[in-house]
Amino acid sequence: MTDLSQPNTVPALLDALQWRYATKKMDPAKAVPQDKVERILEAARLAPTSSGLQPYEIVVVTSKAVREQIQPIAWNQAQITEGSHLLVFAAWDNYTPERINHMFDLTNAQRGGTNEGWEAYRQKLLAGYPPRPAEENFQHAARQAYIGLGAALIAAAFEEVDSTPMEGFDPKALDEILKLRERGLRSVAILPLGYREDGKDWLQNLKKVRRPREQFITEV
């Protein structure tokens, strides 16, 4: 594990972000080691979410047959089958009292107790979230899933694993393939993991282009 107290950690992370790009051509002969996949998933699990509710799940698709089903409903993007793993970020379709209470009860169990302020906050969420329209709640949950997606992207780069974040797919069709709606979930984004195929990806050696700091950041 990287020692975060060491001064070279930040440059190493920034170097990894400079190295990464949305890989277009992955080498189907190279599989991502499971220990790297687990660390990428753990980074997403540890990502912050609103009120700590973690209103999304990740489905890890390694089955070639299932990924071949997904590819046609995702603009036939090759990375879906050329990569070794496909992460599907699926948000809760709604906030329910059961889901909210589960996370509060889990917190109480792991922290060994509760307090008046925390229980008052529980009641605030129970009064505010479930009565809202389901679509509004799904959109809120989807935004939390994107935080996890960002964490997974950064972790993949740190592990020197290539990835390509995608919204280019038919969510309803993907939900049907993975039976997500039956679990109260809706797909939001997908992330193939694999290794770039050197010399065969037109994007690999192009300069990374980002707006300069003065155009991107405002200090007040």
C-alpha atoms as a PDB file:
ATOM      1  CA  MET A   1       0.000   0.000   0.000  1.00  0.00           C
ATOM      2  CA  THR A   2       1.217   3.482  -0.813  1.00  0.00           C
ATOM      3  CA  ASP A   3       2.396   5.479   2.201  1.00  0.00           C
ATOM      4  CA  LEU A   4       0.383   8.692   1.914  1.00  0.00           C
ATOM      5  CA  SER A   5       2.795  10.448   4.283  1.00  0.00           C
ATOM      6  CA  GLN A   6       5.583  10.238   1.742  1.00  0.00           C
ATOM      7  CA  PRO A   7       6.214  13.433  -0.250  1.00  0.00           C
ATOM      8  CA  ASN A   8       6.290  11.658  -3.613  1.00  0.00           C
ATOM      9  CA  THR A   9       2.686  10.450  -3.383  1.00  0.00           C
ATOM     10  CA  VAL A  10       1.064  13.543  -4.926  1.00  0.00           C
ATOM     11  CA  PRO A  11       3.412  13.752  -7.935  1.00  0.00           C
ATOM     12  CA  ALA A  12       2.892  10.020  -8.500  1.00  0.00           C
ATOM     13  CA  LEU A  13      -0.875  10.518  -8.532  1.00  0.00           C
ATOM     14  CA  LEU A  14      -0.673  13.484 -10.900  1.00  0.00           C
ATOM     15  CA  ASP A  15       1.689  11.544 -13.150  1.00  0.00           C
ATOM     16  CA  ALA A  16      -0.883   8.735 -13.248  1.00  0.00           C
ATOM     17  CA  LEU A  17      -3.603  11.193 -14.259  1.00  0.00           C
ATOM     18  CA  GLN A  18      -1.360  12.555 -16.989  1.00  0.00           C
ATOM     19  CA  TRP A  19      -0.784   8.971 -18.183  1.00  0.00           C
ATOM     20  CA  ARG A  20      -4.448   7.956 -18.320  1.00  0.00           C
ATOM     21  CA  TYR A  21      -6.730   8.628 -21.235  1.00  0.00           C
ATOM     22  CA  ALA A  22     -10.032   7.237 -22.468  1.00  0.00           C
ATOM     23  CA  THR A  23      -8.533   4.135 -24.045  1.00  0.00           C
ATOM     24  CA  LYS A  24     -10.087   3.244 -27.390  1.00  0.00           C
ATOM     25  CA  LYS A  25      -8.257  -0.001 -28.185  1.00  0.00           C
ATOM     26  CA  MET A  26      -7.650  -2.564 -25.466  1.00  0.00           C
ATOM     27  CA  ASP A  27      -5.623  -5.743 -25.755  1.00  0.00           C
ATOM     28  CA  PRO A  28      -8.030  -8.685 -25.310  1.00  0.00           C
ATOM     29  CA  ALA A  29      -5.092 -10.942 -24.450  1.00  0.00           C
ATOM     30  CA  LYS A  30      -4.283  -8.985 -21.294  1.00  0.00           C
ATOM     31  CA  ALA A  31      -6.513  -9.344 -18.244  1.00  0.00           C
ATOM     32  CA  VAL A  32      -6.406  -6.997 -15.273  1.00  0.00           C
ATOM     33  CA  PRO A  33      -5.172  -8.890 -12.169  1.00  0.00           C
ATOM     34  CA  GLN A  34      -7.899  -9.404  -9.607  1.00  0.00           C
ATOM     35  CA  ASP A  35      -5.976  -7.634  -6.837  1.00  0.00           C
ATOM     36  CA  LYS A  36      -5.898  -4.455  -8.934  1.00  0.00           C
ATOM     37  CA  VAL A  37      -9.608  -4.759  -9.697  1.00  0.00           C
ATOM     38  CA  GLU A  38     -10.343  -5.143  -5.988  1.00  0.00           C
ATOM     39  CA  ARG A  39      -8.431  -1.966  -5.146  1.00  0.00           C
ATOM     40  CA  ILE A  40     -10.289  -0.053  -7.852  1.00  0.00           C
ATOM     41  CA  LEU A  41     -13.610  -1.300  -6.489  1.00  0.00           C
ATOM     42  CA  GLU A  42     -12.566  -0.458  -2.944  1.00  0.00           C
ATOM     43  CA  ALA A  43     -11.750   3.098  -4.005  1.00  0.00           C
ATOM     44  CA  ALA A  44     -15.278   3.429  -5.370  1.00  0.00           C
ATOM     45  CA  ARG A  45     -16.738   1.887  -2.199  1.00  0.00           C
ATOM     46  CA  LEU A  46     -14.829   4.386  -0.059  1.00  0.00           C
ATOM     47  CA  ALA A  47     -15.949   7.371  -2.142  1.00  0.00           C
ATOM     48  CA  PRO A  48     -18.071   9.980  -0.365  1.00  0.00           C
ATOM     49  CA  THR A  49     -21.806  10.168  -0.963  1.00  0.00           C
ATOM     50  CA  SER A  50     -24.548  12.515   0.209  1.00  0.00           C
ATOM     51  CA  SER A  51     -25.456  11.724   3.830  1.00  0.00           C
ATOM     52  CA  GLY A  52     -23.304   8.598   3.537  1.00  0.00           C
ATOM     53  CA  LEU A  53     -26.198   6.683   1.977  1.00  0.00           C
ATOM     54  CA  GLN A  54     -24.168   5.057  -0.832  1.00  0.00           C
ATOM     55  CA  PRO A  55     -27.239   5.018  -3.107  1.00  0.00           C
ATOM     56  CA  TYR A  56     -25.695   2.958  -5.878  1.00  0.00           C
ATOM     57  CA  GLU A  57     -24.069  -0.400  -6.511  1.00  0.00           C
ATOM     58  CA  ILE A  58     -21.418  -1.691  -8.913  1.00  0.00           C
ATOM     59  CA  VAL A  59     -21.974  -4.764 -11.043  1.00  0.00           C
ATOM     60  CA  VAL A  60     -18.721  -6.343 -12.233  1.00  0.00           C
ATOM     61  CA  VAL A  61     -19.214  -8.118 -15.550  1.00  0.00           C
ATOM     62  CA  THR A  62     -16.447 -10.548 -16.497  1.00  0.00           C
ATOM     63  CA  SER A  63     -18.577 -12.988 -18.502  1.00  0.00           C
ATOM     64  CA  LYS A  64     -17.602 -12.647 -22.158  1.00  0.00           C
ATOM     65  CA  ALA A  65     -21.058 -13.793 -23.204  1.00  0.00           C
ATOM     66  CA  VAL A  66     -22.778 -11.083 -21.172  1.00  0.00           C
ATOM     67  CA  ARG A  67     -20.370  -8.416 -22.394  1.00  0.00           C
ATOM     68  CA  GLU A  68     -21.113  -9.534 -25.955  1.00  0.00           C
ATOM     69  CA  GLN A  69     -24.790  -8.929 -25.190  1.00  0.00           C
ATOM     70  CA  ILE A  70     -24.007  -5.454 -23.875  1.00  0.00           C
ATOM     71  CA  GLN A  71     -21.766  -4.318 -26.727  1.00  0.00           C
ATOM     72  CA  PRO A  72     -24.533  -3.874 -29.362  1.00  0.00           C
ATOM     73  CA  ILE A  73     -26.583  -1.671 -27.034  1.00  0.00           C
ATOM     74  CA  ALA A  74     -23.481   0.428 -26.284  1.00  0.00           C
ATOM     75  CA  TRP A  75     -22.698   1.739 -29.752  1.00  0.00           C
ATOM     76  CA  ASN A  76     -20.619  -1.404 -30.412  1.00  0.00           C
ATOM     77  CA  GLN A  77     -17.725   0.099 -28.466  1.00  0.00           C
ATOM     78  CA  ALA A  78     -14.903  -2.411 -28.659  1.00  0.00           C
ATOM     79  CA  GLN A  79     -13.562  -1.828 -25.148  1.00  0.00           C
ATOM     80  CA  ILE A  80     -16.598  -3.594 -23.679  1.00  0.00           C
ATOM     81  CA  THR A  81     -15.394  -6.953 -24.976  1.00  0.00           C
ATOM     82  CA  GLU A  82     -11.683  -6.230 -25.385  1.00  0.00           C
ATOM     83  CA  GLY A  83     -11.258  -5.238 -21.747  1.00  0.00           C
ATOM     84  CA  SER A  84     -11.306  -7.955 -19.117  1.00  0.00           C
ATOM     85  CA  HIS A  85     -13.792  -6.322 -16.737  1.00  0.00           C
ATOM     86  CA  LEU A  86     -16.810  -4.093 -17.202  1.00  0.00           C
ATOM     87  CA  LEU A  87     -17.970  -2.079 -14.192  1.00  0.00           C
ATOM     88  CA  VAL A  88     -21.610  -1.015 -14.293  1.00  0.00           C
ATOM     89  CA  PHE A  89     -22.550   1.805 -11.930  1.00  0.00           C
ATOM     90  CA  ALA A  90     -26.213   1.414 -11.037  1.00  0.00           C
ATOM     91  CA  ALA A  91     -28.080   3.923  -8.867  1.00  0.00           C
ATOM     92  CA  TRP A  92     -31.052   3.308  -6.611  1.00  0.00           C
ATOM     93  CA  ASP A  93     -34.283   3.902  -8.485  1.00  0.00           C
ATOM     94  CA  ASN A  94     -35.704   5.671  -5.428  1.00  0.00           C
ATOM     95  CA  TYR A  95     -35.019   6.545  -1.791  1.00  0.00           C
ATOM     96  CA  THR A  96     -37.189   4.415   0.460  1.00  0.00           C
ATOM     97  CA  PRO A  97     -37.507   4.357   4.250  1.00  0.00           C
ATOM     98  CA  GLU A  98     -36.060   0.835   4.208  1.00  0.00           C
ATOM     99  CA  ARG A  99     -32.936   1.934   2.347  1.00  0.00           C
ATOM    100  CA  ILE A 100     -32.392   4.997   4.495  1.00  0.00           C
ATOM    101  CA  ASN A 101     -32.956   3.103   7.740  1.00  0.00           C
ATOM    102  CA  HIS A 102     -30.597   0.331   6.638  1.00  0.00           C
ATOM    103  CA  MET A 103     -27.710   2.772   6.239  1.00  0.00           C
ATOM    104  CA  PHE A 104     -28.421   4.527   9.540  1.00  0.00           C
ATOM    105  CA  ASP A 105     -28.735   1.198  11.358  1.00  0.00           C
ATOM    106  CA  LEU A 106     -25.501   0.002   9.759  1.00  0.00           C
ATOM    107  CA  THR A 107     -23.730   3.131  10.923  1.00  0.00           C
ATOM    108  CA  ASN A 108     -25.041   2.717  14.454  1.00  0.00           C
ATOM    109  CA  ALA A 109     -23.971  -0.925  14.534  1.00  0.00           C
ATOM    110  CA  GLN A 110     -20.463  -0.198  13.310  1.00  0.00           C
ATOM    111  CA  ARG A 111     -19.962   2.841  15.536  1.00  0.00           C
ATOM    112  CA  GLY A 112     -21.380   1.130  18.581  1.00  0.00           C
ATOM    113  CA  GLY A 113     -24.245   3.458  19.337  1.00  0.00           C
ATOM    114  CA  THR A 114     -26.125   6.550  18.304  1.00  0.00           C
ATOM    115  CA  ASN A 115     -27.004  10.030  19.531  1.00  0.00           C
ATOM    116  CA  GLU A 116     -29.901  12.446  19.483  1.00  0.00           C
ATOM    117  CA  GLY A 117     -28.505  14.582  16.669  1.00  0.00           C
ATOM    118  CA  TRP A 118     -27.837  11.595  14.413  1.00  0.00           C
ATOM    119  CA  GLU A 119     -31.328  10.185  14.969  1.00  0.00           C
ATOM    120  CA  ALA A 120     -32.838  13.603  14.290  1.00  0.00           C
ATOM    121  CA  TYR A 121     -30.949  13.659  11.001  1.00  0.00           C
ATOM    122  CA  ARG A 122     -32.378  10.220  10.170  1.00  0.00           C
ATOM    123  CA  GLN A 123     -35.882  11.583  10.679  1.00  0.00           C
ATOM    124  CA  LYS A 124     -35.074  14.620   8.536  1.00  0.00           C
ATOM    125  CA  LEU A 125     -34.077  12.391   5.611  1.00  0.00           C
ATOM    126  CA  LEU A 126     -37.065  10.101   6.120  1.00  0.00           C
ATOM    127  CA  ALA A 127     -39.350  13.124   6.015  1.00  0.00           C
ATOM    128  CA  GLY A 128     -37.646  14.703   3.022  1.00  0.00           C
ATOM    129  CA  TYR A 129     -36.508  11.981   0.614  1.00  0.00           C
ATOM    130  CA  PRO A 130     -39.192   9.257   0.228  1.00  0.00           C
ATOM    131  CA  PRO A 131     -42.049  11.730  -0.449  1.00  0.00           C
ATOM    132  CA  ARG A 132     -40.196  13.231  -3.432  1.00  0.00           C
ATOM    133  CA  PRO A 133     -40.865  11.957  -6.970  1.00  0.00           C
ATOM    134  CA  ALA A 134     -38.959   8.756  -7.722  1.00  0.00           C
ATOM    135  CA  GLU A 135     -37.269  10.308 -10.763  1.00  0.00           C
ATOM    136  CA  GLU A 136     -35.953  13.198  -8.672  1.00  0.00           C
ATOM    137  CA  ASN A 137     -34.543  10.728  -6.171  1.00  0.00           C
ATOM    138  CA  PHE A 138     -32.991   8.609  -8.920  1.00  0.00           C
ATOM    139  CA  GLN A 139     -31.265  11.647 -10.422  1.00  0.00           C
ATOM    140  CA  HIS A 140     -29.861  12.529  -7.003  1.00  0.00           C
ATOM    141  CA  ALA A 141     -28.630   8.966  -6.519  1.00  0.00           C
ATOM    142  CA  ALA A 142     -27.116   8.958 -10.007  1.00  0.00           C
ATOM    143  CA  ARG A 143     -25.023  12.005  -9.142  1.00  0.00           C
ATOM    144  CA  GLN A 144     -23.618  10.079  -6.183  1.00  0.00           C
ATOM    145  CA  ALA A 145     -22.743   7.178  -8.487  1.00  0.00           C
ATOM    146  CA  TYR A 146     -20.638   9.563 -10.575  1.00  0.00           C
ATOM    147  CA  ILE A 147     -18.544  10.339  -7.513  1.00  0.00           C
ATOM    148  CA  GLY A 148     -17.775   6.626  -7.265  1.00  0.00           C
ATOM    149  CA  LEU A 149     -17.045   6.508 -10.978  1.00  0.00           C
ATOM    150  CA  GLY A 150     -14.506   9.308 -10.557  1.00  0.00           C
ATOM    151  CA  ALA A 151     -12.846   7.484  -7.678  1.00  0.00           C
ATOM    152  CA  ALA A 152     -12.627   4.309  -9.769  1.00  0.00           C
ATOM    153  CA  LEU A 153     -11.093   6.213 -12.688  1.00  0.00           C
ATOM    154  CA  ILE A 154      -8.415   7.727 -10.485  1.00  0.00           C
ATOM    155  CA  ALA A 155      -7.713   4.415  -8.765  1.00  0.00           C
ATOM    156  CA  ALA A 156      -7.410   2.662 -12.130  1.00  0.00           C
ATOM    157  CA  ALA A 157      -4.874   5.233 -13.286  1.00  0.00           C
ATOM    158  CA  PHE A 158      -2.924   4.808 -10.051  1.00  0.00           C
ATOM    159  CA  GLU A 159      -2.903   1.031 -10.657  1.00  0.00           C
ATOM    160  CA  GLU A 160      -1.753   1.638 -14.271  1.00  0.00           C
ATOM    161  CA  VAL A 161      -4.948   0.047 -15.535  1.00  0.00           C
ATOM    162  CA  ASP A 162      -6.637   1.554 -18.569  1.00  0.00           C
ATOM    163  CA  SER A 163     -10.288   2.520 -18.437  1.00  0.00           C
ATOM    164  CA  THR A 164     -12.901   4.295 -20.506  1.00  0.00           C
ATOM    165  CA  PRO A 165     -15.890   5.958 -18.800  1.00  0.00           C
ATOM    166  CA  MET A 166     -19.017   5.607 -20.924  1.00  0.00           C
ATOM    167  CA  GLU A 167     -22.526   6.992 -21.032  1.00  0.00           C
ATOM    168  CA  GLY A 168     -22.975   5.825 -24.609  1.00  0.00           C
ATOM    169  CA  PHE A 169     -25.335   2.932 -24.030  1.00  0.00           C
ATOM    170  CA  ASP A 170     -29.051   2.197 -23.792  1.00  0.00           C
ATOM    171  CA  PRO A 171     -29.747   2.204 -20.033  1.00  0.00           C
ATOM    172  CA  LYS A 172     -33.103   0.478 -20.329  1.00  0.00           C
ATOM    173  CA  ALA A 173     -31.623  -2.335 -22.432  1.00  0.00           C
ATOM    174  CA  LEU A 174     -28.674  -2.728 -20.055  1.00  0.00           C
ATOM    175  CA  ASP A 175     -31.046  -2.816 -17.100  1.00  0.00           C
ATOM    176  CA  GLU A 176     -32.899  -5.662 -18.798  1.00  0.00           C
ATOM    177  CA  ILE A 177     -29.721  -7.637 -19.559  1.00  0.00           C
ATOM    178  CA  LEU A 178     -28.519  -7.400 -15.956  1.00  0.00           C
ATOM    179  CA  LYS A 179     -32.020  -7.480 -14.423  1.00  0.00           C
ATOM    180  CA  LEU A 180     -31.285  -4.285 -12.524  1.00  0.00           C
ATOM    181  CA  ARG A 181     -34.841  -2.960 -12.294  1.00  0.00           C
ATOM    182  CA  GLU A 182     -35.817  -6.107 -10.394  1.00  0.00           C
ATOM    183  CA  ARG A 183     -33.289  -5.049  -7.752  1.00  0.00           C
ATOM    184  CA  GLY A 184     -34.464  -1.441  -7.609  1.00  0.00           C
ATOM    185  CA  LEU A 185     -31.473  -0.210  -9.620  1.00  0.00           C
ATOM    186  CA  ARG A 186     -30.965   1.723 -12.860  1.00  0.00           C
ATOM    187  CA  SER A 187     -27.711   1.856 -14.821  1.00  0.00           C
ATOM    188  CA  VAL A 188     -25.943   5.211 -14.931  1.00  0.00           C
ATOM    189  CA  ALA A 189     -22.449   4.709 -16.372  1.00  0.00           C
ATOM    190  CA  ILE A 190     -20.146   1.894 -17.404  1.00  0.00           C
ATOM    191  CA  LEU A 191     -16.380   1.522 -17.099  1.00  0.00           C
ATOM    192  CA  PRO A 192     -14.392  -1.075 -19.043  1.00  0.00           C
ATOM    193  CA  LEU A 193     -11.042  -2.007 -17.485  1.00  0.00           C
ATOM    194  CA  GLY A 194      -8.137  -3.422 -19.452  1.00  0.00           C
ATOM    195  CA  TYR A 195      -4.792  -2.574 -21.024  1.00  0.00           C
ATOM    196  CA  ARG A 196      -4.154  -0.411 -24.075  1.00  0.00           C
ATOM    197  CA  GLU A 197      -2.922  -2.234 -27.145  1.00  0.00           C
ATOM    198  CA  ASP A 198       0.273  -0.383 -27.996  1.00  0.00           C
ATOM    199  CA  GLY A 199       0.502   0.912 -31.511  1.00  0.00           C
ATOM    200  CA  LYS A 200      -3.156   0.222 -32.316  1.00  0.00           C
ATOM    201  CA  ASP A 201      -4.924   3.022 -30.427  1.00  0.00           C
ATOM    202  CA  TRP A 202      -5.070   6.280 -32.379  1.00  0.00           C
ATOM    203  CA  LEU A 203      -5.558   8.264 -29.182  1.00  0.00           C
ATOM    204  CA  GLN A 204      -2.660   6.799 -27.195  1.00  0.00           C
ATOM    205  CA  ASN A 205       0.134   9.188 -28.180  1.00  0.00           C
ATOM    206  CA  LEU A 206      -1.883  12.368 -28.632  1.00  0.00           C
ATOM    207  CA  LYS A 207      -1.142  15.227 -26.259  1.00  0.00           C
ATOM    208  CA  LYS A 208      -3.559  15.515 -23.347  1.00  0.00           C
ATOM    209  CA  VAL A 209      -5.468  18.772 -23.777  1.00  0.00           C
ATOM    210  CA  ARG A 210      -7.058  20.573 -20.848  1.00  0.00           C
ATOM    211  CA  ARG A 211      -7.915  24.227 -20.374  1.00  0.00           C
ATOM    212  CA  PRO A 212      -5.108  26.123 -18.620  1.00  0.00           C
ATOM    213  CA  ARG A 213      -5.492  26.782 -14.906  1.00  0.00           C
ATOM    214  CA  GLU A 214      -6.384  30.450 -15.371  1.00  0.00           C
ATOM    215  CA  GLN A 215      -9.330  29.476 -17.566  1.00  0.00           C
ATOM    216  CA  PHE A 216     -10.490  26.680 -15.320  1.00  0.00           C
ATOM    217  CA  ILE A 217     -10.056  27.869 -11.748  1.00  0.00           C
ATOM    218  CA  THR A 218     -11.356  31.052 -10.127  1.00  0.00           C
ATOM    219  CA  GLU A 219     -10.113  32.071  -6.705  1.00  0.00           C
ATOM    220  CA  VAL A 220     -12.363  34.311  -4.626  1.00  0.00           C
END
